[in-house]
Amino acid sequence: MTDSPDNPGFSGIPDAVSEPKRRFAVQLVWIIPIIAALIGLSLGVKAFMDRGEIITITFKTGEGMEAGKTKIKYKDVQIGEVRALAISEDRSHVIVTAEIYKDARRLLVQDTRFWVVRARISGGNVSGLGTLLGGSYIGIDVGSSTEPRTEFAGLETPPVVSMDVPGREFVLHADDAGSLDTASPIFYRRTKREKG
């Protein structure tokens, strides 16, 4: 362009040159939401893969149990947690919904037993004193069956003999229990037989 009397002062301006548009230009502002979405997706997949087994246990009462706080323990190792408590439709018992961790699913078999561990005094024996500070929890005694199960009827008292303890269990019948109670000693020829 040249200066002319009709168009003065345009001689110093360069001519416009057009640049081709970038085909795959990603604006910097979209990188953060894309990374956040990928992280959220990966966390969701991990949570889905690591989810535990949901089971139900029925007890006569919900004493000592609280949703989100009561733990389920096997050999004093936490393997699950109570998720919800509900009263049955006929109001005769409490239904406990619990989640058992993924790596403990193999413990859920037909003859597995559950009970609430709390401080108890019976027959001169005291048990569950640790629950006075830490709170009650649900104990588990794993059975020997290989058939899986997800619905259980909880015991009202702890089992006298655990499945993994050697020995036998006998049922004695009598007209009167006398002073017998759970964990009463058994004598043979006036000699107390010790465990093990």
C-alpha atoms as a PDB file:
ATOM      1  CA  MET A   1       0.000   0.000   0.000  1.00  0.00           C
ATOM      2  CA  THR A   2       1.145   3.531  -0.735  1.00  0.00           C
ATOM      3  CA  ASP A   3       0.237   6.815   0.782  1.00  0.00           C
ATOM      4  CA  SER A   4      -2.202   8.785  -1.195  1.00  0.00           C
ATOM      5  CA  PRO A   5      -4.019  12.025  -0.594  1.00  0.00           C
ATOM      6  CA  ASP A   6      -7.177   9.988  -0.025  1.00  0.00           C
ATOM      7  CA  ASN A   7      -5.498   7.366   2.279  1.00  0.00           C
ATOM      8  CA  PRO A   8      -2.750   9.037   4.318  1.00  0.00           C
ATOM      9  CA  GLY A   9      -0.618   7.198   6.997  1.00  0.00           C
ATOM     10  CA  PHE A  10      -1.126   3.519   5.977  1.00  0.00           C
ATOM     11  CA  SER A  11       2.310   2.974   4.532  1.00  0.00           C
ATOM     12  CA  GLY A  12       3.775   1.573   7.862  1.00  0.00           C
ATOM     13  CA  ILE A  13       1.169  -1.164   8.439  1.00  0.00           C
ATOM     14  CA  PRO A  14       2.170  -4.652   7.203  1.00  0.00           C
ATOM     15  CA  ASP A  15      -0.190  -6.798   5.188  1.00  0.00           C
ATOM     16  CA  ALA A  16      -2.253  -9.385   7.119  1.00  0.00           C
ATOM     17  CA  VAL A  17      -1.180 -13.001   6.691  1.00  0.00           C
ATOM     18  CA  SER A  18      -3.637 -15.763   7.712  1.00  0.00           C
ATOM     19  CA  GLU A  19      -2.356 -18.815   9.630  1.00  0.00           C
ATOM     20  CA  PRO A  20      -4.014 -22.219   9.135  1.00  0.00           C
ATOM     21  CA  LYS A  21      -6.076 -23.461  12.123  1.00  0.00           C
ATOM     22  CA  ARG A  22      -4.579 -26.239  14.224  1.00  0.00           C
ATOM     23  CA  ARG A  23      -6.731 -29.320  13.749  1.00  0.00           C
ATOM     24  CA  PHE A  24      -6.271 -30.938  17.195  1.00  0.00           C
ATOM     25  CA  ALA A  25      -5.672 -27.977  19.404  1.00  0.00           C
ATOM     26  CA  VAL A  26      -6.609 -28.889  23.007  1.00  0.00           C
ATOM     27  CA  GLN A  27      -7.000 -25.933  25.229  1.00  0.00           C
ATOM     28  CA  LEU A  28      -5.117 -26.040  28.490  1.00  0.00           C
ATOM     29  CA  VAL A  29      -8.294 -25.424  30.473  1.00  0.00           C
ATOM     30  CA  TRP A  30      -9.682 -28.897  29.545  1.00  0.00           C
ATOM     31  CA  ILE A  31      -6.661 -30.887  30.783  1.00  0.00           C
ATOM     32  CA  ILE A  32      -7.538 -30.603  34.501  1.00  0.00           C
ATOM     33  CA  PRO A  33     -11.167 -31.821  34.174  1.00  0.00           C
ATOM     34  CA  ILE A  34     -10.036 -34.725  31.955  1.00  0.00           C
ATOM     35  CA  ILE A  35      -7.395 -35.809  34.529  1.00  0.00           C
ATOM     36  CA  ALA A  36      -9.945 -35.479  37.367  1.00  0.00           C
ATOM     37  CA  ALA A  37     -12.453 -37.625  35.439  1.00  0.00           C
ATOM     38  CA  LEU A  38      -9.817 -40.318  34.798  1.00  0.00           C
ATOM     39  CA  ILE A  39      -8.823 -40.384  38.485  1.00  0.00           C
ATOM     40  CA  GLY A  40     -12.488 -40.606  39.562  1.00  0.00           C
ATOM     41  CA  LEU A  41     -13.115 -43.432  37.094  1.00  0.00           C
ATOM     42  CA  SER A  42     -10.092 -45.401  38.292  1.00  0.00           C
ATOM     43  CA  LEU A  43     -11.138 -44.971  41.947  1.00  0.00           C
ATOM     44  CA  GLY A  44     -14.651 -46.157  41.103  1.00  0.00           C
ATOM     45  CA  VAL A  45     -13.329 -49.256  39.334  1.00  0.00           C
ATOM     46  CA  LYS A  46     -10.982 -50.013  42.261  1.00  0.00           C
ATOM     47  CA  ALA A  47     -13.837 -49.665  44.789  1.00  0.00           C
ATOM     48  CA  PHE A  48     -15.994 -51.994  42.684  1.00  0.00           C
ATOM     49  CA  MET A  49     -13.222 -54.593  42.434  1.00  0.00           C
ATOM     50  CA  ASP A  50     -12.390 -54.404  46.179  1.00  0.00           C
ATOM     51  CA  ARG A  51     -15.968 -54.546  47.474  1.00  0.00           C
ATOM     52  CA  GLY A  52     -16.696 -57.213  50.041  1.00  0.00           C
ATOM     53  CA  GLU A  53     -19.445 -59.782  50.476  1.00  0.00           C
ATOM     54  CA  ILE A  54     -22.753 -58.534  51.927  1.00  0.00           C
ATOM     55  CA  ILE A  55     -24.249 -60.957  54.462  1.00  0.00           C
ATOM     56  CA  THR A  56     -27.172 -60.962  56.913  1.00  0.00           C
ATOM     57  CA  ILE A  57     -27.095 -62.305  60.471  1.00  0.00           C
ATOM     58  CA  THR A  58     -30.158 -62.556  62.709  1.00  0.00           C
ATOM     59  CA  PHE A  59     -29.998 -62.017  66.477  1.00  0.00           C
ATOM     60  CA  LYS A  60     -32.701 -61.821  69.146  1.00  0.00           C
ATOM     61  CA  THR A  61     -31.638 -58.275  70.050  1.00  0.00           C
ATOM     62  CA  GLY A  62     -29.351 -55.573  68.719  1.00  0.00           C
ATOM     63  CA  GLU A  63     -27.666 -55.033  72.083  1.00  0.00           C
ATOM     64  CA  GLY A  64     -24.137 -53.703  71.745  1.00  0.00           C
ATOM     65  CA  MET A  65     -24.300 -53.260  67.955  1.00  0.00           C
ATOM     66  CA  GLU A  66     -24.269 -50.042  65.966  1.00  0.00           C
ATOM     67  CA  ALA A  67     -24.263 -49.545  62.203  1.00  0.00           C
ATOM     68  CA  GLY A  68     -20.941 -48.257  60.884  1.00  0.00           C
ATOM     69  CA  LYS A  69     -19.132 -48.889  64.181  1.00  0.00           C
ATOM     70  CA  THR A  70     -19.508 -52.529  65.206  1.00  0.00           C
ATOM     71  CA  LYS A  71     -16.683 -54.634  63.789  1.00  0.00           C
ATOM     72  CA  ILE A  72     -16.642 -58.288  62.820  1.00  0.00           C
ATOM     73  CA  LYS A  73     -13.502 -60.071  63.993  1.00  0.00           C
ATOM     74  CA  TYR A  74     -11.937 -63.470  63.492  1.00  0.00           C
ATOM     75  CA  LYS A  75      -9.105 -64.313  65.911  1.00  0.00           C
ATOM     76  CA  ASP A  76      -9.073 -60.616  66.936  1.00  0.00           C
ATOM     77  CA  VAL A  77      -8.470 -59.487  63.332  1.00  0.00           C
ATOM     78  CA  GLN A  78     -11.111 -57.257  61.765  1.00  0.00           C
ATOM     79  CA  ILE A  79     -12.645 -58.906  58.699  1.00  0.00           C
ATOM     80  CA  GLY A  80     -15.789 -56.824  58.277  1.00  0.00           C
ATOM     81  CA  GLU A  81     -18.197 -54.245  59.635  1.00  0.00           C
ATOM     82  CA  VAL A  82     -21.898 -53.907  60.404  1.00  0.00           C
ATOM     83  CA  ARG A  83     -23.603 -51.740  57.765  1.00  0.00           C
ATOM     84  CA  ALA A  84     -27.223 -51.677  58.963  1.00  0.00           C
ATOM     85  CA  LEU A  85     -29.583 -52.940  61.656  1.00  0.00           C
ATOM     86  CA  ALA A  86     -33.283 -53.592  61.091  1.00  0.00           C
ATOM     87  CA  ILE A  87     -36.143 -55.237  62.941  1.00  0.00           C
ATOM     88  CA  SER A  88     -37.729 -58.222  61.196  1.00  0.00           C
ATOM     89  CA  GLU A  89     -41.283 -57.954  59.873  1.00  0.00           C
ATOM     90  CA  ASP A  90     -42.673 -60.145  62.650  1.00  0.00           C
ATOM     91  CA  ARG A  91     -40.649 -58.139  65.232  1.00  0.00           C
ATOM     92  CA  SER A  92     -39.172 -61.335  66.678  1.00  0.00           C
ATOM     93  CA  HIS A  93     -35.512 -60.633  65.921  1.00  0.00           C
ATOM     94  CA  VAL A  94     -32.983 -58.137  64.565  1.00  0.00           C
ATOM     95  CA  ILE A  95     -31.489 -58.438  61.091  1.00  0.00           C
ATOM     96  CA  VAL A  96     -27.868 -57.309  60.856  1.00  0.00           C
ATOM     97  CA  THR A  97     -26.531 -56.448  57.413  1.00  0.00           C
ATOM     98  CA  ALA A  98     -22.746 -56.596  57.319  1.00  0.00           C
ATOM     99  CA  GLU A  99     -19.925 -56.394  54.803  1.00  0.00           C
ATOM    100  CA  ILE A 100     -17.159 -58.982  54.974  1.00  0.00           C
ATOM    101  CA  TYR A 101     -13.909 -57.903  53.332  1.00  0.00           C
ATOM    102  CA  LYS A 102     -12.982 -59.419  49.988  1.00  0.00           C
ATOM    103  CA  ASP A 103     -10.048 -61.461  51.307  1.00  0.00           C
ATOM    104  CA  ALA A 104     -12.238 -63.024  54.051  1.00  0.00           C
ATOM    105  CA  ARG A 105     -15.027 -64.324  51.780  1.00  0.00           C
ATOM    106  CA  ARG A 106     -13.708 -67.878  52.099  1.00  0.00           C
ATOM    107  CA  LEU A 107     -14.736 -67.855  55.781  1.00  0.00           C
ATOM    108  CA  LEU A 108     -18.442 -67.641  54.874  1.00  0.00           C
ATOM    109  CA  VAL A 109     -19.471 -71.303  54.717  1.00  0.00           C
ATOM    110  CA  GLN A 110     -22.538 -73.298  55.792  1.00  0.00           C
ATOM    111  CA  ASP A 111     -21.442 -74.059  59.370  1.00  0.00           C
ATOM    112  CA  THR A 112     -19.784 -70.726  60.191  1.00  0.00           C
ATOM    113  CA  ARG A 113     -21.107 -69.273  63.464  1.00  0.00           C
ATOM    114  CA  PHE A 114     -21.504 -65.654  64.621  1.00  0.00           C
ATOM    115  CA  TRP A 115     -22.139 -64.203  68.104  1.00  0.00           C
ATOM    116  CA  VAL A 116     -21.826 -60.837  69.848  1.00  0.00           C
ATOM    117  CA  VAL A 117     -18.706 -60.546  72.014  1.00  0.00           C
ATOM    118  CA  ARG A 118     -19.434 -58.501  75.117  1.00  0.00           C
ATOM    119  CA  ALA A 119     -18.442 -58.606  78.777  1.00  0.00           C
ATOM    120  CA  ARG A 120     -20.048 -61.682  80.376  1.00  0.00           C
ATOM    121  CA  ILE A 121     -19.985 -63.223  83.849  1.00  0.00           C
ATOM    122  CA  SER A 122     -21.153 -66.835  84.033  1.00  0.00           C
ATOM    123  CA  GLY A 123     -20.311 -69.658  86.411  1.00  0.00           C
ATOM    124  CA  GLY A 124     -17.545 -67.680  88.062  1.00  0.00           C
ATOM    125  CA  ASN A 125     -15.870 -67.043  84.698  1.00  0.00           C
ATOM    126  CA  VAL A 126     -15.482 -63.572  83.230  1.00  0.00           C
ATOM    127  CA  SER A 127     -15.062 -63.081  79.484  1.00  0.00           C
ATOM    128  CA  GLY A 128     -15.002 -60.227  77.016  1.00  0.00           C
ATOM    129  CA  LEU A 129     -13.413 -57.666  79.332  1.00  0.00           C
ATOM    130  CA  GLY A 130     -11.654 -56.057  76.349  1.00  0.00           C
ATOM    131  CA  THR A 131     -15.037 -54.880  75.075  1.00  0.00           C
ATOM    132  CA  LEU A 132     -15.448 -52.541  78.056  1.00  0.00           C
ATOM    133  CA  LEU A 133     -13.023 -50.113  76.399  1.00  0.00           C
ATOM    134  CA  GLY A 134     -13.264 -50.973  72.701  1.00  0.00           C
ATOM    135  CA  GLY A 135     -16.970 -51.787  72.530  1.00  0.00           C
ATOM    136  CA  SER A 136     -18.790 -54.948  71.537  1.00  0.00           C
ATOM    137  CA  TYR A 137     -18.019 -56.713  68.279  1.00  0.00           C
ATOM    138  CA  ILE A 138     -19.264 -59.754  66.398  1.00  0.00           C
ATOM    139  CA  GLY A 139     -17.098 -62.848  66.730  1.00  0.00           C
ATOM    140  CA  ILE A 140     -16.908 -65.562  64.103  1.00  0.00           C
ATOM    141  CA  ASP A 141     -16.076 -69.261  64.296  1.00  0.00           C
ATOM    142  CA  VAL A 142     -15.332 -70.662  60.841  1.00  0.00           C
ATOM    143  CA  GLY A 143     -16.832 -73.987  59.909  1.00  0.00           C
ATOM    144  CA  SER A 144     -15.331 -76.865  57.973  1.00  0.00           C
ATOM    145  CA  SER A 145     -17.877 -76.875  55.134  1.00  0.00           C
ATOM    146  CA  THR A 146     -16.911 -75.888  51.594  1.00  0.00           C
ATOM    147  CA  GLU A 147     -20.392 -74.692  50.583  1.00  0.00           C
ATOM    148  CA  PRO A 148     -20.695 -70.863  50.663  1.00  0.00           C
ATOM    149  CA  ARG A 149     -23.456 -69.073  52.537  1.00  0.00           C
ATOM    150  CA  THR A 150     -24.573 -65.448  53.052  1.00  0.00           C
ATOM    151  CA  GLU A 151     -27.466 -65.736  55.550  1.00  0.00           C
ATOM    152  CA  PHE A 152     -26.757 -66.773  59.135  1.00  0.00           C
ATOM    153  CA  ALA A 153     -28.581 -67.153  62.468  1.00  0.00           C
ATOM    154  CA  GLY A 154     -26.361 -65.683  65.174  1.00  0.00           C
ATOM    155  CA  LEU A 155     -25.733 -67.435  68.489  1.00  0.00           C
ATOM    156  CA  GLU A 156     -26.909 -65.742  71.676  1.00  0.00           C
ATOM    157  CA  THR A 157     -23.879 -67.001  73.635  1.00  0.00           C
ATOM    158  CA  PRO A 158     -20.348 -67.798  72.446  1.00  0.00           C
ATOM    159  CA  PRO A 159     -19.742 -71.417  71.398  1.00  0.00           C
ATOM    160  CA  VAL A 160     -18.214 -73.534  74.152  1.00  0.00           C
ATOM    161  CA  VAL A 161     -15.835 -75.284  71.746  1.00  0.00           C
ATOM    162  CA  SER A 162     -14.353 -73.610  68.676  1.00  0.00           C
ATOM    163  CA  MET A 163     -14.201 -75.472  65.389  1.00  0.00           C
ATOM    164  CA  ASP A 164     -10.392 -75.210  65.225  1.00  0.00           C
ATOM    165  CA  VAL A 165      -9.823 -76.562  68.754  1.00  0.00           C
ATOM    166  CA  PRO A 166      -9.257 -80.343  68.955  1.00  0.00           C
ATOM    167  CA  GLY A 167     -11.717 -82.261  71.074  1.00  0.00           C
ATOM    168  CA  ARG A 168     -15.296 -83.484  71.101  1.00  0.00           C
ATOM    169  CA  GLU A 169     -18.606 -81.987  71.997  1.00  0.00           C
ATOM    170  CA  PHE A 170     -21.135 -84.002  74.001  1.00  0.00           C
ATOM    171  CA  VAL A 171     -24.753 -83.343  74.916  1.00  0.00           C
ATOM    172  CA  LEU A 172     -25.642 -84.432  78.462  1.00  0.00           C
ATOM    173  CA  HIS A 173     -29.247 -84.840  79.603  1.00  0.00           C
ATOM    174  CA  ALA A 174     -30.307 -84.470  83.235  1.00  0.00           C
ATOM    175  CA  ASP A 175     -33.493 -83.797  85.181  1.00  0.00           C
ATOM    176  CA  ASP A 176     -31.839 -80.906  87.027  1.00  0.00           C
ATOM    177  CA  ALA A 177     -28.914 -78.742  85.927  1.00  0.00           C
ATOM    178  CA  GLY A 178     -27.973 -78.015  89.524  1.00  0.00           C
ATOM    179  CA  SER A 179     -25.115 -75.538  89.664  1.00  0.00           C
ATOM    180  CA  LEU A 180     -23.859 -76.269  86.149  1.00  0.00           C
ATOM    181  CA  ASP A 181     -23.256 -73.334  83.832  1.00  0.00           C
ATOM    182  CA  THR A 182     -21.313 -72.564  80.691  1.00  0.00           C
ATOM    183  CA  ALA A 183     -17.607 -73.432  81.123  1.00  0.00           C
ATOM    184  CA  SER A 184     -18.209 -75.555  84.243  1.00  0.00           C
ATOM    185  CA  PRO A 185     -15.306 -78.008  84.658  1.00  0.00           C
ATOM    186  CA  ILE A 186     -15.702 -81.709  83.880  1.00  0.00           C
ATOM    187  CA  PHE A 187     -14.132 -84.243  86.248  1.00  0.00           C
ATOM    188  CA  TYR A 188     -13.105 -87.830  85.598  1.00  0.00           C
ATOM    189  CA  ARG A 189     -12.552 -89.821  88.790  1.00  0.00           C
ATOM    190  CA  ARG A 190     -12.453 -86.531  90.705  1.00  0.00           C
ATOM    191  CA  THR A 191      -9.673 -85.204  88.510  1.00  0.00           C
ATOM    192  CA  LYS A 192     -10.274 -82.142  86.361  1.00  0.00           C
ATOM    193  CA  ARG A 193      -9.346 -82.692  82.739  1.00  0.00           C
ATOM    194  CA  GLU A 194      -7.454 -79.709  81.328  1.00  0.00           C
ATOM    195  CA  LYS A 195      -7.857 -78.488  77.758  1.00  0.00           C
ATOM    196  CA  GLY A 196      -5.228 -79.571  75.254  1.00  0.00           C
END
